[in-house]
Amino acid sequence: MPKRILQGRVTSDKNDQTVTVLVERRYKHPLLHKTVRSSKKYRAHDANNQFKIGDTVRIAECAPVSKTKRWTVLTDEAASA
């Protein structure tokens, strides 16, 4: 099964080796035909603490790292590949 890759903005980097990423998706409402924005926060593993608040990052699914972390931040090398 392929791993999902999402793009979002870092909203918190206070915890060690963890960033909180806000991922926003847009879709058309089925009845009103209006563009709706919905967002969700994911906690992602950042091993080197290199990402700060406001950075745009890509996150990928991974095996559980802790109780709440199921995602890992793709590094610049992995994002360009």
N, C-alpha and C. Protein backbone atom coordinates (compact mmCIF):
# COMPACT_ATOMS: atom_id res chain seq x y z
N MET A 1 0.83 -1.17 0.00
CA MET A 1 0.00 0.00 0.00
C MET A 1 0.89 1.25 0.00
N PRO A 2 0.64 2.20 -0.91
CA PRO A 2 1.49 3.38 -0.97
C PRO A 2 1.29 4.29 0.23
N LYS A 3 2.35 5.00 0.58
CA LYS A 3 2.28 5.92 1.70
C LYS A 3 1.76 7.26 1.23
N ARG A 4 0.89 7.86 2.03
CA ARG A 4 0.36 9.17 1.69
C ARG A 4 1.41 10.24 1.99
N ILE A 5 1.45 11.26 1.15
CA ILE A 5 2.33 12.41 1.36
C ILE A 5 1.44 13.64 1.35
N LEU A 6 1.53 14.43 2.42
CA LEU A 6 0.73 15.64 2.55
C LEU A 6 1.66 16.84 2.69
N GLN A 7 1.14 18.01 2.32
CA GLN A 7 1.92 19.24 2.45
C GLN A 7 1.17 20.18 3.38
N GLY A 8 1.91 20.82 4.27
CA GLY A 8 1.28 21.71 5.23
C GLY A 8 2.27 22.69 5.82
N ARG A 9 1.79 23.43 6.82
CA ARG A 9 2.59 24.47 7.46
C ARG A 9 2.82 24.10 8.92
N VAL A 10 4.05 24.30 9.39
CA VAL A 10 4.40 23.98 10.78
C VAL A 10 3.77 25.03 11.68
N THR A 11 2.98 24.59 12.67
CA THR A 11 2.34 25.51 13.60
C THR A 11 2.97 25.45 14.98
N SER A 12 3.71 24.39 15.30
CA SER A 12 4.35 24.29 16.61
C SER A 12 5.59 23.42 16.51
N ASP A 13 6.65 23.85 17.21
CA ASP A 13 7.88 23.05 17.25
C ASP A 13 8.41 22.97 18.68
N LYS A 14 7.52 23.12 19.66
CA LYS A 14 7.94 23.18 21.06
C LYS A 14 8.45 21.84 21.59
N ASN A 15 7.87 20.74 21.15
CA ASN A 15 8.30 19.44 21.66
C ASN A 15 9.57 18.98 20.95
N ASP A 16 10.38 18.20 21.66
CA ASP A 16 11.63 17.70 21.11
C ASP A 16 11.35 16.66 20.03
N GLN A 17 11.95 16.84 18.87
CA GLN A 17 11.84 15.93 17.72
C GLN A 17 10.41 15.78 17.22
N THR A 18 9.56 16.78 17.46
CA THR A 18 8.17 16.73 17.00
C THR A 18 7.75 18.09 16.49
N VAL A 19 7.04 18.09 15.36
CA VAL A 19 6.43 19.32 14.87
C VAL A 19 4.95 19.04 14.64
N THR A 20 4.13 20.07 14.82
CA THR A 20 2.71 19.97 14.51
C THR A 20 2.50 20.65 13.17
N VAL A 21 1.89 19.93 12.23
CA VAL A 21 1.72 20.43 10.87
C VAL A 21 0.23 20.59 10.59
N LEU A 22 -0.16 21.77 10.13
CA LEU A 22 -1.54 22.05 9.76
C LEU A 22 -1.69 21.81 8.26
N VAL A 23 -2.51 20.82 7.90
CA VAL A 23 -2.75 20.48 6.49
C VAL A 23 -4.15 20.95 6.14
N GLU A 24 -4.24 21.75 5.10
CA GLU A 24 -5.53 22.30 4.68
C GLU A 24 -5.92 21.67 3.34
N ARG A 25 -7.19 21.27 3.24
CA ARG A 25 -7.66 20.74 1.96
C ARG A 25 -8.89 21.52 1.53
N ARG A 26 -9.06 21.64 0.25
CA ARG A 26 -10.19 22.37 -0.31
C ARG A 26 -11.00 21.41 -1.17
N TYR A 27 -12.31 21.54 -1.06
CA TYR A 27 -13.19 20.72 -1.88
C TYR A 27 -14.46 21.50 -2.16
N LYS A 28 -15.18 21.08 -3.16
CA LYS A 28 -16.43 21.74 -3.51
C LYS A 28 -17.58 21.10 -2.75
N HIS A 29 -18.41 21.92 -2.10
CA HIS A 29 -19.54 21.41 -1.35
C HIS A 29 -20.52 20.74 -2.33
N PRO A 30 -21.01 19.55 -2.00
CA PRO A 30 -21.84 18.81 -2.96
C PRO A 30 -23.17 19.50 -3.31
N LEU A 31 -23.76 20.24 -2.38
CA LEU A 31 -25.04 20.86 -2.64
C LEU A 31 -24.91 22.34 -2.99
N LEU A 32 -24.09 23.05 -2.24
CA LEU A 32 -23.98 24.49 -2.43
C LEU A 32 -22.99 24.89 -3.53
N HIS A 33 -22.14 23.95 -3.97
CA HIS A 33 -21.13 24.20 -5.01
C HIS A 33 -20.20 25.34 -4.64
N LYS A 34 -19.92 25.44 -3.37
CA LYS A 34 -19.02 26.47 -2.87
C LYS A 34 -17.73 25.79 -2.42
N THR A 35 -16.59 26.44 -2.63
CA THR A 35 -15.33 25.88 -2.19
C THR A 35 -15.23 25.98 -0.67
N VAL A 36 -15.00 24.84 -0.03
CA VAL A 36 -14.93 24.77 1.42
C VAL A 36 -13.50 24.42 1.81
N ARG A 37 -12.98 25.12 2.83
CA ARG A 37 -11.65 24.84 3.33
C ARG A 37 -11.78 24.11 4.67
N SER A 38 -11.13 22.96 4.77
CA SER A 38 -11.09 22.25 6.05
C SER A 38 -9.65 21.93 6.35
N SER A 39 -9.31 21.92 7.64
CA SER A 39 -7.92 21.70 8.02
C SER A 39 -7.85 20.67 9.12
N LYS A 40 -6.68 20.05 9.22
CA LYS A 40 -6.43 19.05 10.24
C LYS A 40 -4.97 19.15 10.65
N LYS A 41 -4.71 18.90 11.93
CA LYS A 41 -3.35 18.96 12.44
C LYS A 41 -2.79 17.56 12.60
N TYR A 42 -1.55 17.38 12.17
CA TYR A 42 -0.83 16.12 12.31
C TYR A 42 0.44 16.37 13.10
N ARG A 43 0.81 15.42 13.95
CA ARG A 43 2.08 15.49 14.65
C ARG A 43 3.06 14.62 13.90
N ALA A 44 4.20 15.21 13.54
CA ALA A 44 5.18 14.51 12.70
C ALA A 44 6.54 14.47 13.39
N HIS A 45 7.30 13.43 13.09
CA HIS A 45 8.62 13.23 13.67
C HIS A 45 9.64 14.06 12.91
N ASP A 46 10.38 14.89 13.64
CA ASP A 46 11.44 15.73 13.08
C ASP A 46 12.71 15.42 13.87
N ALA A 47 13.51 14.47 13.39
CA ALA A 47 14.62 13.94 14.16
C ALA A 47 15.67 14.99 14.52
N ASN A 48 15.93 15.94 13.62
CA ASN A 48 17.01 16.90 13.84
C ASN A 48 16.54 18.25 14.35
N ASN A 49 15.26 18.39 14.64
CA ASN A 49 14.69 19.68 15.07
C ASN A 49 15.06 20.81 14.11
N GLN A 50 14.99 20.54 12.80
CA GLN A 50 15.43 21.54 11.83
C GLN A 50 14.30 22.42 11.31
N PHE A 51 13.04 22.07 11.53
CA PHE A 51 11.93 22.85 11.01
C PHE A 51 11.35 23.74 12.09
N LYS A 52 11.04 24.98 11.72
CA LYS A 52 10.55 25.98 12.66
C LYS A 52 9.14 26.40 12.28
N ILE A 53 8.49 27.18 13.14
CA ILE A 53 7.13 27.65 12.90
C ILE A 53 7.08 28.46 11.61
N GLY A 54 6.09 28.16 10.77
CA GLY A 54 5.91 28.88 9.51
C GLY A 54 6.50 28.19 8.31
N ASP A 55 7.35 27.19 8.51
CA ASP A 55 7.94 26.46 7.38
C ASP A 55 6.87 25.63 6.68
N THR A 56 6.97 25.53 5.37
CA THR A 56 6.12 24.64 4.60
C THR A 56 6.86 23.32 4.43
N VAL A 57 6.24 22.23 4.87
CA VAL A 57 6.90 20.93 4.85
C VAL A 57 6.00 19.89 4.21
N ARG A 58 6.61 18.78 3.83
CA ARG A 58 5.88 17.62 3.34
C ARG A 58 6.04 16.52 4.37
N ILE A 59 4.93 15.85 4.70
CA ILE A 59 4.98 14.76 5.67
C ILE A 59 4.49 13.47 5.00
N ALA A 60 5.04 12.35 5.46
CA ALA A 60 4.69 11.05 4.90
C ALA A 60 4.30 10.11 6.02
N GLU A 61 3.39 9.19 5.72
CA GLU A 61 2.97 8.19 6.69
C GLU A 61 4.15 7.29 7.05
N CYS A 62 4.17 6.82 8.28
CA CYS A 62 5.20 5.89 8.71
C CYS A 62 4.63 5.01 9.82
N ALA A 63 5.44 4.09 10.28
CA ALA A 63 5.04 3.26 11.41
C ALA A 63 4.96 4.14 12.65
N PRO A 64 4.15 3.78 13.63
CA PRO A 64 4.01 4.63 14.81
C PRO A 64 5.34 4.86 15.52
N VAL A 65 5.64 6.15 15.77
CA VAL A 65 6.86 6.53 16.47
C VAL A 65 6.57 6.68 17.96
N SER A 66 5.39 7.19 18.28
CA SER A 66 4.97 7.34 19.67
C SER A 66 3.44 7.21 19.71
N LYS A 67 2.86 7.61 20.82
CA LYS A 67 1.41 7.47 20.98
C LYS A 67 0.64 8.28 19.94
N THR A 68 1.12 9.46 19.59
CA THR A 68 0.39 10.34 18.68
C THR A 68 1.07 10.54 17.33
N LYS A 69 2.32 10.13 17.18
CA LYS A 69 3.06 10.40 15.93
C LYS A 69 2.98 9.21 14.99
N ARG A 70 2.33 9.43 13.84
CA ARG A 70 2.24 8.42 12.78
C ARG A 70 2.80 8.95 11.47
N TRP A 71 3.43 10.13 11.52
CA TRP A 71 3.94 10.79 10.32
C TRP A 71 5.38 11.19 10.55
N THR A 72 6.13 11.33 9.46
CA THR A 72 7.50 11.81 9.54
C THR A 72 7.69 12.91 8.52
N VAL A 73 8.51 13.91 8.86
CA VAL A 73 8.77 15.01 7.96
C VAL A 73 9.79 14.57 6.94
N LEU A 74 9.49 14.80 5.65
CA LEU A 74 10.43 14.49 4.60
C LEU A 74 11.51 15.57 4.59
N THR A 75 12.77 15.14 4.53
CA THR A 75 13.86 16.11 4.45
C THR A 75 13.91 16.69 3.04
N ASP A 76 14.75 17.71 2.87
CA ASP A 76 14.84 18.36 1.56
C ASP A 76 15.32 17.40 0.49
N GLU A 77 16.22 16.47 0.85
CA GLU A 77 16.71 15.49 -0.13
C GLU A 77 15.60 14.54 -0.54
N ALA A 78 14.79 14.09 0.44
CA ALA A 78 13.72 13.13 0.14
C ALA A 78 12.57 13.81 -0.59
N ALA A 79 12.35 15.10 -0.33
CA ALA A 79 11.25 15.82 -0.98
C ALA A 79 11.55 16.05 -2.45
N SER A 80 12.82 16.23 -2.79
CA SER A 80 13.15 16.51 -4.19
C SER A 80 13.24 15.23 -5.01
N ALA A 81 13.37 14.07 -4.37
CA ALA A 81 13.49 12.81 -5.10
C ALA A 81 12.16 12.33 -5.63
